[in-house]
Amino acid sequence: MTGSNDTLNELLSEQKKKKSLASKIATVAVLVFLIYSLYLVISQQAELKEQQRELANIKSQITAARQENDEYTRLLSGEDENEYMKKIAIERYGYAYPNERRFYVASLG
């Protein structure tokens, strides 16, 4: 009878070892899953912040473009359209009236 008790004890001991090993594997798997999940959350937060900065930049560009567009609309819809065109022709393109002389300051150096 002692032989069957020894065999039974050995079987119980092996089952405890298997359960212990399975428990360790499950614990490691859960820890790996938690670490991976934490990594995903942190990386997504960083990406979200970057995209929010990009969105703010684009919004500021849109605001600047709208202001510029509003200024052009105001200039072109107003009565001073001819004055604006004359100003641009003179300042940007160097146009002048037929008998007009233009003097430009030459830089020294």
Protein backbone atom coordinates (compact mmCIF):
# COMPACT_ATOMS: atom_id res chain seq x y z
CA MET A 1 0.00 0.00 0.00
CA THR A 2 2.89 2.31 0.57
CA GLY A 3 3.82 1.87 -3.07
CA SER A 4 0.46 3.16 -4.23
CA ASN A 5 0.70 6.08 -1.80
CA ASP A 6 4.10 7.00 -3.20
CA THR A 7 2.76 6.84 -6.74
CA LEU A 8 -0.23 8.95 -5.73
CA ASN A 9 2.01 11.48 -4.04
CA GLU A 10 4.21 11.64 -7.12
CA LEU A 11 1.19 12.22 -9.35
CA LEU A 12 -0.10 14.96 -7.04
CA SER A 13 3.35 16.53 -6.96
CA GLU A 14 3.54 16.50 -10.77
CA GLN A 15 0.07 18.02 -11.04
CA LYS A 16 1.07 20.79 -8.61
CA LYS A 17 4.19 21.47 -10.66
CA LYS A 18 2.13 21.62 -13.86
CA LYS A 19 -0.40 23.95 -12.22
CA SER A 20 2.41 26.07 -10.85
CA LEU A 21 4.05 26.26 -14.28
CA ALA A 22 0.72 27.08 -15.95
CA SER A 23 0.10 29.74 -13.33
CA LYS A 24 3.52 31.31 -13.97
CA ILE A 25 2.97 31.24 -17.74
CA ALA A 26 -0.46 32.86 -17.33
CA THR A 27 1.00 35.55 -15.06
CA VAL A 28 3.78 36.32 -17.54
CA ALA A 29 1.27 36.43 -20.41
CA VAL A 30 -0.94 38.88 -18.49
CA LEU A 31 2.05 41.07 -17.65
CA VAL A 32 3.21 41.09 -21.28
CA PHE A 33 -0.30 42.01 -22.39
CA LEU A 34 -0.50 44.84 -19.85
CA ILE A 35 2.90 46.22 -20.86
CA TYR A 36 1.97 46.07 -24.53
CA SER A 37 -1.36 47.80 -23.84
CA LEU A 38 0.40 50.52 -21.88
CA TYR A 39 2.87 51.00 -24.73
CA LEU A 40 0.01 51.34 -27.23
CA VAL A 41 -1.79 53.91 -25.09
CA ILE A 42 1.34 56.01 -24.60
CA SER A 43 2.28 55.91 -28.28
CA GLN A 44 -1.25 56.84 -29.33
CA GLN A 45 -1.26 59.75 -26.87
CA ALA A 46 2.00 61.03 -28.37
CA GLU A 47 0.59 60.70 -31.89
CA LEU A 48 -2.60 62.48 -30.82
CA LYS A 49 -0.60 65.40 -29.40
CA GLU A 50 1.40 65.66 -32.63
CA GLN A 51 -1.77 65.67 -34.71
CA GLN A 52 -3.31 68.32 -32.44
CA ARG A 53 -0.25 70.54 -32.99
CA GLU A 54 -0.54 69.97 -36.73
CA LEU A 55 -4.25 70.81 -36.62
CA ALA A 56 -3.56 74.05 -34.73
CA ASN A 57 -0.92 74.96 -37.32
CA ILE A 58 -3.32 74.30 -40.19
CA LYS A 59 -6.06 76.32 -38.47
CA SER A 60 -3.70 79.28 -38.12
CA GLN A 61 -2.78 78.99 -41.81
CA ILE A 62 -6.48 78.93 -42.71
CA THR A 63 -7.09 82.02 -40.59
CA ALA A 64 -4.21 83.86 -42.27
CA ALA A 65 -5.42 82.85 -45.74
CA ARG A 66 -8.96 83.99 -44.93
CA GLN A 67 -7.68 87.34 -43.69
CA GLU A 68 -5.64 87.76 -46.84
CA ASN A 69 -8.61 86.73 -48.96
CA ASP A 70 -10.87 89.18 -47.12
CA GLU A 71 -8.34 91.95 -47.71
CA TYR A 72 -8.22 91.18 -51.44
CA THR A 73 -12.00 91.03 -51.60
CA ARG A 74 -12.24 94.38 -49.83
CA LEU A 75 -9.71 95.96 -52.14
CA LEU A 76 -11.28 94.62 -55.30
CA SER A 77 -14.85 95.35 -54.32
CA GLY A 78 -14.20 98.91 -53.16
CA GLU A 79 -14.17 102.06 -55.19
CA ASP A 80 -10.42 102.37 -54.81
CA GLU A 81 -9.74 99.41 -57.13
CA ASN A 82 -8.03 101.66 -59.67
CA GLU A 83 -5.85 103.22 -56.97
CA TYR A 84 -4.90 99.76 -55.74
CA MET A 85 -3.99 98.62 -59.25
CA LYS A 86 -1.87 101.75 -59.77
CA LYS A 87 -0.10 101.19 -56.46
CA ILE A 88 0.70 97.56 -57.33
CA ALA A 89 1.86 98.52 -60.84
CA ILE A 90 4.20 101.17 -59.46
CA GLU A 91 5.52 99.30 -56.40
CA ARG A 92 5.85 95.77 -57.74
CA TYR A 93 6.44 96.22 -61.43
CA GLY A 94 8.12 99.62 -61.60
CA TYR A 95 5.54 101.17 -63.95
CA ALA A 96 5.41 104.94 -64.38
CA TYR A 97 3.39 107.51 -66.29
CA PRO A 98 4.79 108.47 -69.72
CA ASN A 99 6.40 111.78 -68.65
CA GLU A 100 7.16 110.76 -65.11
CA ARG A 101 10.70 110.34 -63.78
CA ARG A 102 11.37 107.93 -60.99
CA PHE A 103 14.36 108.21 -58.72
CA TYR A 104 15.58 105.26 -56.73
CA VAL A 105 18.02 105.31 -53.85
CA ALA A 106 21.05 103.26 -54.72
CA SER A 107 22.46 101.27 -51.83
CA LEU A 108 26.00 102.03 -50.76
CA GLY A 109 28.18 99.01 -50.85
